[in-house]
Every structure is written in structure tokens, then in C-alpha cells.
Amino acid sequence: MQQPIEPATAAHNGIDMLALVLHASLPVQLVMLLLLFGSVASWVIIFRKKRVLDRAEREADRFEERFWSGAELSKLYAGATERNREIGGLEAIFEGGFREFNRVRQRRGVDSRIQLEGAQRAMRASASRELDGLERNLEFLANVGSISPYVGLFGTVWGIMVSFQGLANVREATIATVAPGISEALIATAMGLFAAIPAVWAYNRFATRVERISVRYDTFSEEFSSILQRQAHADEA
């Protein structure tokens, strides 16, 4: 039966780890510092991005509920253009498309096709701006996830190289002689994996959610275009 680790032993191991980091060579310490910065920055982005995507999905749910409840487009547009109110997501796409549709419709002699094309261009531009905000900083997570293991490996290789160079001045090499240098070098690899794994998971998760939201925006734009097309044909009749 395995004996539990006593608190004193765990604390001693923690002190040993800290001592290994503090006594590591300067390049290895720089590698560890870089990985620590990447890990902390990744977690900050992960928590912020989760809030942003959660808010985008909630706002899309609320606006779709109002939009498909039978409310008049003019009232929805008036609500979207209220002062001191920031809009985003589907509401921003709707506002941009309906604004351009009304602007073109006020011109004389403009057929329904031109009205619809103008609204569609405005909706595509609004959707691109919204998706750009949702995708912001995802590239950083991807870079941390792909580069961190190699940065940690570089620190490990450097630490092991320094350890073996130190053996040149030792007549008899033992495990006790080599172990500290190899241990501090392997810490860099562990830190690289610690930084990379959450970043890769978060990037894949958030990229999938952004793709789903993008499909949702495209679907709404197509459905709203159909409504505007029927309204434009009704105005010509």
C-alpha cells in the first residue's frame, strides 16, 4: 500500500524545485521566464475570450427571439440605433443591413436588386467586423500552443549541454553529479508542456465556437435578405 506524501515532504520538494530554478543557467532561466509569461498571458486570454463568446451567444439568442417574435423591422431598427447603447453581433448585422436598405430605397429609380445588394454588402461588412473581434487573440493561443514545447525543449537541451560540459572538470562522474543539471533542464520541458496544453485546448475550443457563431451570422443574413427582398418587391408593386 502506497504511503501518502507528508506535508513536510511536499514542501521540501517545492523548495528543491525552486532551488533548481534559481540555480539554473541564465539561458534556461530566460526560457522559463518566457514560458511563464506565455502561460499567464494565455490564461488571461482564455478567461476573457470565454466571457466574450458567452456574451455574443447570449446577445444572439435575445435578438433572434425579438426578431422572430413578429416585431416590426422599423421598431427593431429604432431600438438598435438608440443613443448611448452599444450593439453587437446579430443586432449590429441587422442594423447595418436595414440602414443601407433604407438609404438606397430612398433614391428614386432604384430597383429592388440594387437595394438588396446594398443591404447584403452592409451585412457582410458588419459580420466581418464582429467576427474579427471574436477571433482576436486566438492567434496568440495558437502560437503559444505550438511554440512552447520547442522553447521548453531548447531550455532542456541547453541545460543538459551545460551539465555535460561541467563533467569535463570532474574525474569521476556519478548520478549525484549530473542529476541537478538534468533536473533543472527537464523543468523547462515541463513548463513548456504546462503552457502549451491549455493554450491548444482553448484555441481548438474557441475556434469551434467562433465558427458556429459565424455560421449563425451567415444564416441570419440570408434569412434577413429574403425578408428584405419580399419587402422591396412589395414596394415596387
C-alpha atoms as a PDB file:
ATOM      1  CA  MET A   1       0.000   0.000   0.000  1.00  0.00           C
ATOM      2  CA  GLN A   2       1.431   3.364  -1.060  1.00  0.00           C
ATOM      3  CA  GLN A   3       2.070   5.749   1.798  1.00  0.00           C
ATOM      4  CA  PRO A   4       0.658   9.275   1.442  1.00  0.00           C
ATOM      5  CA  ILE A   5       3.112  12.095   0.908  1.00  0.00           C
ATOM      6  CA  GLU A   6       3.601  14.025   4.106  1.00  0.00           C
ATOM      7  CA  PRO A   7       3.214  17.831   4.017  1.00  0.00           C
ATOM      8  CA  ALA A   8       6.814  18.304   5.090  1.00  0.00           C
ATOM      9  CA  THR A   9       7.993  16.148   2.181  1.00  0.00           C
ATOM     10  CA  ALA A  10       5.823  18.063  -0.314  1.00  0.00           C
ATOM     11  CA  ALA A  11       7.118  21.385   0.989  1.00  0.00           C
ATOM     12  CA  HIS A  12      10.691  20.105   0.723  1.00  0.00           C
ATOM     13  CA  ASN A  13      10.088  19.057  -2.872  1.00  0.00           C
ATOM     14  CA  GLY A  14       8.693  22.504  -3.628  1.00  0.00           C
ATOM     15  CA  ILE A  15      11.782  24.130  -2.136  1.00  0.00           C
ATOM     16  CA  ASP A  16      14.013  21.811  -4.181  1.00  0.00           C
ATOM     17  CA  MET A  17      12.155  22.785  -7.368  1.00  0.00           C
ATOM     18  CA  LEU A  18      12.544  26.477  -6.574  1.00  0.00           C
ATOM     19  CA  ALA A  19      16.241  25.967  -5.832  1.00  0.00           C
ATOM     20  CA  LEU A  20      16.709  24.214  -9.169  1.00  0.00           C
ATOM     21  CA  VAL A  21      15.073  27.127 -10.987  1.00  0.00           C
ATOM     22  CA  LEU A  22      17.120  29.738  -9.121  1.00  0.00           C
ATOM     23  CA  HIS A  23      20.401  27.906  -9.708  1.00  0.00           C
ATOM     24  CA  ALA A  24      19.755  27.185 -13.368  1.00  0.00           C
ATOM     25  CA  SER A  25      21.931  28.793 -16.005  1.00  0.00           C
ATOM     26  CA  LEU A  26      20.894  32.179 -17.370  1.00  0.00           C
ATOM     27  CA  PRO A  27      19.609  30.895 -20.759  1.00  0.00           C
ATOM     28  CA  VAL A  28      17.471  28.273 -19.022  1.00  0.00           C
ATOM     29  CA  GLN A  29      16.104  30.892 -16.622  1.00  0.00           C
ATOM     30  CA  LEU A  30      15.226  33.141 -19.562  1.00  0.00           C
ATOM     31  CA  VAL A  31      13.437  30.227 -21.222  1.00  0.00           C
ATOM     32  CA  MET A  32      11.475  29.550 -18.028  1.00  0.00           C
ATOM     33  CA  LEU A  33      10.580  33.232 -17.684  1.00  0.00           C
ATOM     34  CA  LEU A  34       9.371  33.335 -21.294  1.00  0.00           C
ATOM     35  CA  LEU A  35       7.252  30.230 -20.779  1.00  0.00           C
ATOM     36  CA  LEU A  36       5.820  31.615 -17.558  1.00  0.00           C
ATOM     37  CA  PHE A  37       4.836  34.826 -19.349  1.00  0.00           C
ATOM     38  CA  GLY A  38       3.246  32.842 -22.179  1.00  0.00           C
ATOM     39  CA  SER A  39       1.294  30.690 -19.724  1.00  0.00           C
ATOM     40  CA  VAL A  40      -0.018  33.641 -17.700  1.00  0.00           C
ATOM     41  CA  ALA A  41      -0.949  35.587 -20.848  1.00  0.00           C
ATOM     42  CA  SER A  42      -2.725  32.527 -22.244  1.00  0.00           C
ATOM     43  CA  TRP A  43      -4.862  32.106 -19.135  1.00  0.00           C
ATOM     44  CA  VAL A  44      -5.792  35.804 -19.185  1.00  0.00           C
ATOM     45  CA  ILE A  45      -6.870  35.485 -22.822  1.00  0.00           C
ATOM     46  CA  ILE A  46      -8.735  32.242 -22.106  1.00  0.00           C
ATOM     47  CA  PHE A  47     -10.891  33.793 -19.379  1.00  0.00           C
ATOM     48  CA  ARG A  48     -11.537  36.977 -21.374  1.00  0.00           C
ATOM     49  CA  LYS A  49     -12.344  35.113 -24.572  1.00  0.00           C
ATOM     50  CA  LYS A  50     -14.788  32.859 -22.764  1.00  0.00           C
ATOM     51  CA  ARG A  51     -16.675  35.903 -21.465  1.00  0.00           C
ATOM     52  CA  VAL A  52     -16.709  37.484 -24.925  1.00  0.00           C
ATOM     53  CA  LEU A  53     -18.055  34.367 -26.645  1.00  0.00           C
ATOM     54  CA  ASP A  54     -20.613  33.723 -23.912  1.00  0.00           C
ATOM     55  CA  ARG A  55     -21.873  37.287 -24.265  1.00  0.00           C
ATOM     56  CA  ALA A  56     -22.023  37.016 -28.068  1.00  0.00           C
ATOM     57  CA  GLU A  57     -24.127  33.862 -27.849  1.00  0.00           C
ATOM     58  CA  ARG A  58     -26.473  35.360 -25.257  1.00  0.00           C
ATOM     59  CA  GLU A  59     -26.952  38.524 -27.315  1.00  0.00           C
ATOM     60  CA  ALA A  60     -27.643  36.443 -30.429  1.00  0.00           C
ATOM     61  CA  ASP A  61     -30.258  34.401 -28.562  1.00  0.00           C
ATOM     62  CA  ARG A  62     -32.005  37.516 -27.236  1.00  0.00           C
ATOM     63  CA  PHE A  63     -32.049  39.309 -30.593  1.00  0.00           C
ATOM     64  CA  GLU A  64     -33.267  36.289 -32.531  1.00  0.00           C
ATOM     65  CA  GLU A  65     -36.073  35.902 -30.022  1.00  0.00           C
ATOM     66  CA  ARG A  66     -37.138  39.512 -30.593  1.00  0.00           C
ATOM     67  CA  PHE A  67     -36.627  39.314 -34.357  1.00  0.00           C
ATOM     68  CA  TRP A  68     -38.710  36.195 -34.895  1.00  0.00           C
ATOM     69  CA  SER A  69     -41.400  37.206 -32.405  1.00  0.00           C
ATOM     70  CA  GLY A  70     -43.116  39.242 -35.109  1.00  0.00           C
ATOM     71  CA  ALA A  71     -41.821  42.679 -34.129  1.00  0.00           C
ATOM     72  CA  GLU A  72     -41.783  45.332 -36.850  1.00  0.00           C
ATOM     73  CA  LEU A  73     -38.434  45.899 -38.515  1.00  0.00           C
ATOM     74  CA  SER A  74     -38.699  49.645 -38.030  1.00  0.00           C
ATOM     75  CA  LYS A  75     -39.118  49.229 -34.268  1.00  0.00           C
ATOM     76  CA  LEU A  76     -36.175  46.843 -34.088  1.00  0.00           C
ATOM     77  CA  TYR A  77     -34.107  49.334 -36.063  1.00  0.00           C
ATOM     78  CA  ALA A  78     -35.133  52.197 -33.798  1.00  0.00           C
ATOM     79  CA  GLY A  79     -34.116  50.157 -30.768  1.00  0.00           C
ATOM     80  CA  ALA A  80     -30.765  49.333 -32.338  1.00  0.00           C
ATOM     81  CA  THR A  81     -29.992  52.987 -33.096  1.00  0.00           C
ATOM     82  CA  GLU A  82     -30.770  54.343 -29.643  1.00  0.00           C
ATOM     83  CA  ARG A  83     -28.164  56.698 -28.262  1.00  0.00           C
ATOM     84  CA  ASN A  84     -25.742  55.600 -25.540  1.00  0.00           C
ATOM     85  CA  ARG A  85     -26.358  51.977 -26.435  1.00  0.00           C
ATOM     86  CA  GLU A  86     -23.658  49.724 -27.817  1.00  0.00           C
ATOM     87  CA  ILE A  87     -24.835  46.948 -30.085  1.00  0.00           C
ATOM     88  CA  GLY A  88     -23.039  43.937 -31.471  1.00  0.00           C
ATOM     89  CA  GLY A  89     -23.498  40.538 -33.025  1.00  0.00           C
ATOM     90  CA  LEU A  90     -26.705  39.855 -34.908  1.00  0.00           C
ATOM     91  CA  GLU A  91     -28.193  43.203 -33.911  1.00  0.00           C
ATOM     92  CA  ALA A  92     -25.250  45.050 -35.476  1.00  0.00           C
ATOM     93  CA  ILE A  93     -25.641  42.993 -38.664  1.00  0.00           C
ATOM     94  CA  PHE A  94     -29.356  43.743 -38.753  1.00  0.00           C
ATOM     95  CA  GLU A  95     -28.785  47.444 -38.113  1.00  0.00           C
ATOM     96  CA  GLY A  96     -26.177  47.748 -40.870  1.00  0.00           C
ATOM     97  CA  GLY A  97     -28.281  45.893 -43.431  1.00  0.00           C
ATOM     98  CA  PHE A  98     -31.530  47.679 -42.682  1.00  0.00           C
ATOM     99  CA  ARG A  99     -29.834  51.106 -42.618  1.00  0.00           C
ATOM    100  CA  GLU A 100     -28.304  50.552 -46.046  1.00  0.00           C
ATOM    101  CA  PHE A 101     -31.562  49.118 -47.360  1.00  0.00           C
ATOM    102  CA  ASN A 102     -33.481  52.247 -46.287  1.00  0.00           C
ATOM    103  CA  ARG A 103     -30.790  54.576 -47.628  1.00  0.00           C
ATOM    104  CA  VAL A 104     -30.854  53.013 -51.090  1.00  0.00           C
ATOM    105  CA  ARG A 105     -34.632  52.719 -51.079  1.00  0.00           C
ATOM    106  CA  GLN A 106     -34.969  56.495 -50.652  1.00  0.00           C
ATOM    107  CA  ARG A 107     -33.351  57.044 -54.027  1.00  0.00           C
ATOM    108  CA  ARG A 108     -35.671  57.325 -56.981  1.00  0.00           C
ATOM    109  CA  GLY A 109     -35.484  54.826 -59.781  1.00  0.00           C
ATOM    110  CA  VAL A 110     -33.503  52.212 -57.857  1.00  0.00           C
ATOM    111  CA  ASP A 111     -34.764  48.697 -58.411  1.00  0.00           C
ATOM    112  CA  SER A 112     -35.097  46.025 -55.749  1.00  0.00           C
ATOM    113  CA  ARG A 113     -31.972  44.154 -56.819  1.00  0.00           C
ATOM    114  CA  ILE A 114     -29.719  47.118 -56.074  1.00  0.00           C
ATOM    115  CA  GLN A 115     -31.450  47.663 -52.742  1.00  0.00           C
ATOM    116  CA  LEU A 116     -30.874  44.069 -51.753  1.00  0.00           C
ATOM    117  CA  GLU A 117     -27.244  44.045 -52.888  1.00  0.00           C
ATOM    118  CA  GLY A 118     -26.521  47.150 -50.844  1.00  0.00           C
ATOM    119  CA  ALA A 119     -28.067  45.599 -47.734  1.00  0.00           C
ATOM    120  CA  GLN A 120     -26.120  42.374 -48.240  1.00  0.00           C
ATOM    121  CA  ARG A 121     -22.812  44.229 -48.590  1.00  0.00           C
ATOM    122  CA  ALA A 122     -23.522  46.139 -45.390  1.00  0.00           C
ATOM    123  CA  MET A 123     -24.374  42.930 -43.537  1.00  0.00           C
ATOM    124  CA  ARG A 124     -21.213  41.210 -44.749  1.00  0.00           C
ATOM    125  CA  ALA A 125     -19.122  44.165 -43.578  1.00  0.00           C
ATOM    126  CA  SER A 126     -20.805  44.158 -40.162  1.00  0.00           C
ATOM    127  CA  ALA A 127     -20.386  40.404 -39.806  1.00  0.00           C
ATOM    128  CA  SER A 128     -16.690  40.664 -40.700  1.00  0.00           C
ATOM    129  CA  ARG A 129     -16.151  43.294 -38.002  1.00  0.00           C
ATOM    130  CA  GLU A 130     -17.958  41.194 -35.411  1.00  0.00           C
ATOM    131  CA  LEU A 131     -16.033  38.027 -36.273  1.00  0.00           C
ATOM    132  CA  ASP A 132     -12.749  39.918 -36.239  1.00  0.00           C
ATOM    133  CA  GLY A 133     -13.467  40.912 -32.647  1.00  0.00           C
ATOM    134  CA  LEU A 134     -14.351  37.342 -31.695  1.00  0.00           C
ATOM    135  CA  GLU A 135     -11.187  35.951 -33.301  1.00  0.00           C
ATOM    136  CA  ARG A 136      -8.872  38.482 -31.700  1.00  0.00           C
ATOM    137  CA  ASN A 137      -6.006  36.910 -29.681  1.00  0.00           C
ATOM    138  CA  LEU A 138      -6.800  33.377 -30.882  1.00  0.00           C
ATOM    139  CA  GLU A 139      -3.603  33.548 -32.909  1.00  0.00           C
ATOM    140  CA  PHE A 140      -1.645  34.131 -29.704  1.00  0.00           C
ATOM    141  CA  LEU A 141      -3.095  30.960 -28.173  1.00  0.00           C
ATOM    142  CA  ALA A 142      -2.198  29.019 -31.298  1.00  0.00           C
ATOM    143  CA  ASN A 143       1.368  30.334 -31.210  1.00  0.00           C
ATOM    144  CA  VAL A 144       1.805  29.524 -27.518  1.00  0.00           C
ATOM    145  CA  GLY A 145       0.410  26.039 -28.043  1.00  0.00           C
ATOM    146  CA  SER A 146       2.700  25.269 -30.978  1.00  0.00           C
ATOM    147  CA  ILE A 147       5.912  27.029 -29.906  1.00  0.00           C
ATOM    148  CA  SER A 148       6.056  26.451 -26.132  1.00  0.00           C
ATOM    149  CA  PRO A 149       7.112  22.760 -26.296  1.00  0.00           C
ATOM    150  CA  TYR A 150      10.018  23.669 -28.581  1.00  0.00           C
ATOM    151  CA  VAL A 151      11.053  26.583 -26.375  1.00  0.00           C
ATOM    152  CA  GLY A 152      10.992  24.261 -23.360  1.00  0.00           C
ATOM    153  CA  LEU A 153      12.959  21.662 -25.318  1.00  0.00           C
ATOM    154  CA  PHE A 154      15.558  24.281 -26.160  1.00  0.00           C
ATOM    155  CA  GLY A 155      15.953  25.040 -22.456  1.00  0.00           C
ATOM    156  CA  THR A 156      16.286  21.334 -21.712  1.00  0.00           C
ATOM    157  CA  VAL A 157      18.913  20.765 -24.384  1.00  0.00           C
ATOM    158  CA  TRP A 158      20.864  23.793 -23.217  1.00  0.00           C
ATOM    159  CA  GLY A 159      20.737  22.688 -19.570  1.00  0.00           C
ATOM    160  CA  ILE A 160      21.853  19.155 -20.385  1.00  0.00           C
ATOM    161  CA  MET A 161      24.645  20.510 -22.568  1.00  0.00           C
ATOM    162  CA  VAL A 162      25.893  22.700 -19.721  1.00  0.00           C
ATOM    163  CA  SER A 163      25.699  19.731 -17.338  1.00  0.00           C
ATOM    164  CA  PHE A 164      27.832  17.515 -19.558  1.00  0.00           C
ATOM    165  CA  GLN A 165      30.336  20.309 -20.126  1.00  0.00           C
ATOM    166  CA  GLY A 166      30.712  20.514 -16.355  1.00  0.00           C
ATOM    167  CA  LEU A 167      31.712  16.847 -16.277  1.00  0.00           C
ATOM    168  CA  ALA A 168      34.922  17.734 -18.069  1.00  0.00           C
ATOM    169  CA  ASN A 169      36.336  19.046 -14.782  1.00  0.00           C
ATOM    170  CA  VAL A 170      35.210  16.004 -12.774  1.00  0.00           C
ATOM    171  CA  ARG A 171      37.411  12.914 -12.566  1.00  0.00           C
ATOM    172  CA  GLU A 172      34.629  10.528 -11.652  1.00  0.00           C
ATOM    173  CA  ALA A 173      31.072  11.191 -12.871  1.00  0.00           C
ATOM    174  CA  THR A 174      28.170   9.949 -10.780  1.00  0.00           C
ATOM    175  CA  ILE A 175      24.418  10.337 -10.799  1.00  0.00           C
ATOM    176  CA  ALA A 176      24.713  12.873  -7.975  1.00  0.00           C
ATOM    177  CA  THR A 177      26.963  14.976 -10.152  1.00  0.00           C
ATOM    178  CA  VAL A 178      24.746  15.022 -13.229  1.00  0.00           C
ATOM    179  CA  ALA A 179      21.285  14.870 -11.639  1.00  0.00           C
ATOM    180  CA  PRO A 180      20.923  18.553 -10.582  1.00  0.00           C
ATOM    181  CA  GLY A 181      21.754  19.897 -14.039  1.00  0.00           C
ATOM    182  CA  ILE A 182      19.486  17.435 -15.810  1.00  0.00           C
ATOM    183  CA  SER A 183      16.673  18.110 -13.324  1.00  0.00           C
ATOM    184  CA  GLU A 184      16.773  21.863 -13.885  1.00  0.00           C
ATOM    185  CA  ALA A 185      16.840  21.256 -17.623  1.00  0.00           C
ATOM    186  CA  LEU A 186      13.785  18.988 -17.536  1.00  0.00           C
ATOM    187  CA  ILE A 187      11.844  21.673 -15.653  1.00  0.00           C
ATOM    188  CA  ALA A 188      11.942  23.739 -18.848  1.00  0.00           C
ATOM    189  CA  THR A 189      10.281  20.931 -20.794  1.00  0.00           C
ATOM    190  CA  ALA A 190       7.617  20.549 -18.115  1.00  0.00           C
ATOM    191  CA  MET A 191       6.921  24.292 -18.180  1.00  0.00           C
ATOM    192  CA  GLY A 192       6.671  24.198 -21.967  1.00  0.00           C
ATOM    193  CA  LEU A 193       4.015  21.491 -21.799  1.00  0.00           C
ATOM    194  CA  PHE A 194       2.241  23.310 -18.976  1.00  0.00           C
ATOM    195  CA  ALA A 195       1.985  26.413 -21.169  1.00  0.00           C
ATOM    196  CA  ALA A 196       1.129  24.574 -24.396  1.00  0.00           C
ATOM    197  CA  ILE A 197      -1.597  22.130 -23.344  1.00  0.00           C
ATOM    198  CA  PRO A 198      -4.181  24.686 -22.065  1.00  0.00           C
ATOM    199  CA  ALA A 199      -3.440  27.007 -24.989  1.00  0.00           C
ATOM    200  CA  VAL A 200      -4.022  24.277 -27.585  1.00  0.00           C
ATOM    201  CA  TRP A 201      -7.221  23.098 -25.897  1.00  0.00           C
ATOM    202  CA  ALA A 202      -8.562  26.653 -25.590  1.00  0.00           C
ATOM    203  CA  TYR A 203      -7.698  27.521 -29.190  1.00  0.00           C
ATOM    204  CA  ASN A 204      -9.498  24.467 -30.569  1.00  0.00           C
ATOM    205  CA  ARG A 205     -12.489  25.083 -28.314  1.00  0.00           C
ATOM    206  CA  PHE A 206     -12.798  28.794 -29.089  1.00  0.00           C
ATOM    207  CA  ALA A 207     -12.132  28.386 -32.807  1.00  0.00           C
ATOM    208  CA  THR A 208     -15.015  25.907 -32.975  1.00  0.00           C
ATOM    209  CA  ARG A 209     -17.323  28.295 -31.131  1.00  0.00           C
ATOM    210  CA  VAL A 210     -16.354  31.190 -33.403  1.00  0.00           C
ATOM    211  CA  GLU A 211     -17.061  29.019 -36.446  1.00  0.00           C
ATOM    212  CA  ARG A 212     -20.512  28.175 -35.094  1.00  0.00           C
ATOM    213  CA  ILE A 213     -21.252  31.846 -34.466  1.00  0.00           C
ATOM    214  CA  SER A 214     -20.041  32.670 -37.981  1.00  0.00           C
ATOM    215  CA  VAL A 215     -22.462  30.128 -39.455  1.00  0.00           C
ATOM    216  CA  ARG A 216     -25.191  31.617 -37.313  1.00  0.00           C
ATOM    217  CA  TYR A 217     -24.435  35.112 -38.641  1.00  0.00           C
ATOM    218  CA  ASP A 218     -24.443  33.875 -42.239  1.00  0.00           C
ATOM    219  CA  THR A 219     -27.751  32.081 -41.753  1.00  0.00           C
ATOM    220  CA  PHE A 220     -29.363  35.175 -40.271  1.00  0.00           C
ATOM    221  CA  SER A 221     -28.039  37.343 -43.105  1.00  0.00           C
ATOM    222  CA  GLU A 222     -29.572  35.008 -45.691  1.00  0.00           C
ATOM    223  CA  GLU A 223     -32.913  34.891 -43.909  1.00  0.00           C
ATOM    224  CA  PHE A 224     -32.986  38.653 -43.422  1.00  0.00           C
ATOM    225  CA  SER A 225     -32.078  39.136 -47.093  1.00  0.00           C
ATOM    226  CA  SER A 226     -35.141  37.107 -48.050  1.00  0.00           C
ATOM    227  CA  ILE A 227     -37.340  39.334 -45.907  1.00  0.00           C
ATOM    228  CA  LEU A 228     -35.847  42.483 -47.432  1.00  0.00           C
ATOM    229  CA  GLN A 229     -36.302  41.052 -50.921  1.00  0.00           C
ATOM    230  CA  ARG A 230     -40.006  40.487 -50.321  1.00  0.00           C
ATOM    231  CA  GLN A 231     -40.339  43.976 -48.897  1.00  0.00           C
ATOM    232  CA  ALA A 232     -38.552  45.515 -51.902  1.00  0.00           C
ATOM    233  CA  HIS A 233     -40.835  43.663 -54.315  1.00  0.00           C
ATOM    234  CA  ALA A 234     -43.844  44.818 -52.319  1.00  0.00           C
ATOM    235  CA  ASP A 235     -42.694  48.429 -52.649  1.00  0.00           C
ATOM    236  CA  GLU A 236     -42.431  48.072 -56.429  1.00  0.00           C
ATOM    237  CA  ALA A 237     -45.896  46.522 -56.723  1.00  0.00           C
END
